[in-house]
Amino acid sequence: MSLTAGSRADGTRPPTAVEEPVAAVATVVVRERVPRKADGAGKVPWRIRLRRDRALILMTLPVIVLLLIFNYVPLLGNVVAFQDYDPYVSSNGVTAIFHSPWVGVEQFSRMVDDPLFWSAAKNTILLFALQLVLFFPIPIALALLINSVIRPRVRAVAQAIMYLPHFFSWVLVVTVFQQIFGGAGIIAQTLEDHGWSGFDLMTNADLFKYLVTAQAVWKDAGWGIIVFLAALAAVSTDLYEAAAMDGAGRWRRMWHVTLPALRPVIALLLVLRVGDALSVGFEQFLLQRDAVGVGASEVLDTYVWNMGIQNGDFSYAAAVGLVKGAIGVCLVLGANKFAHLLGEQGVYKK
């Protein structure tokens, strides 16, 4: 095979003196536009991500500052759990930390031997299990019910009515239940007017756990409905149409299309709910403490408040709060690991 003048062995023409600089510049431009991979994992370097997301980072800075001031800086005060803290040994409570004697794990040993602590922990776990069984499925069922309503106006009105109690304070919620289920409430007075004996659910210690669960459902179920409706809005209508064409009825479409679409959201909220297992409520129980007694209404949050604020035993209250927070972190990590085993993302990825 003969080669012409100025040609290569593969038959292509070599670049001229003018084309060589142009090709070099084009190569440099392409290399600058394509970000280099980090560690061969296909991730964009953090400097490029920082420059790309600088507007979003600036928007989140105020929230980060608030979290640091009100959530993370107070964590340093947990050091009093290992002291016999006395706020009056110094001119202010902060410097008193440096003058209070160290007692090691004495407060934790006292906590283990305290029967009132174990009674509060038992009530907390019982109320959490009850709310998890009765409260968690209700927003899902109501979201499915509202989503099945065809008329948008009826759906919007129902959603607004169910979401409204979320903005009520616990004082108002307890007052409403008192006016309905109390001894002088509407139901009891109506029964007495017709010759039957009335009742007072607000002072019944045996039914108190079901009462506070009903209060939590009425107040916070609307927020869960909003979350699940947002997840349902992301489900493609093509899936429902394909299932209907295959002969699937309403229940089968819900089982094979709707619930699988909600499963990531259910897993996420369940992980968060389990992590908050030891915080079943404070104000709700404190407001009804005198009506049903300490034995039925004492949970870990009210126990910490009673020991720390009322009795002034700050070190012991800090020790109980520290154990409660540590158990909550372990529950979040364990629930998130369980979500990973089920194939869901949970709070964070693997």
Foldseek 3Di string as FASTA:
>chain_A
DDDDPQADPVGHHDDDPVVVVVVVVVVVVVCVVDADADPPPRDHDPVVVCVVCVVVVVVCVVVVVVCCVPPVVCVVVLVLLQFQQDQPVDPGNVVSSVVTGGNGNPLVVVLVVDVLNVLQAVLLLVLLVVLVVPQLCVLVVVLVVLVPDDDPVVSVVVLCVQQVLLPDDLVVLVVVCCQDQACVHDVQVVQVVVPHHGDGPLQALVCVSVVVSVSCNSRPSSVSSVVLNVLQVPFDVVLVVVCVVVPDDPVRCCVPGSVVSCVQVSLQVVLVSQLCSQPPDDPNLVVSCVRHHCSRRRHLNNVLCCCCVVVVSPNSSSNSVVVSNVVSVVSSVVSQVVCVVVVHCHPHHD
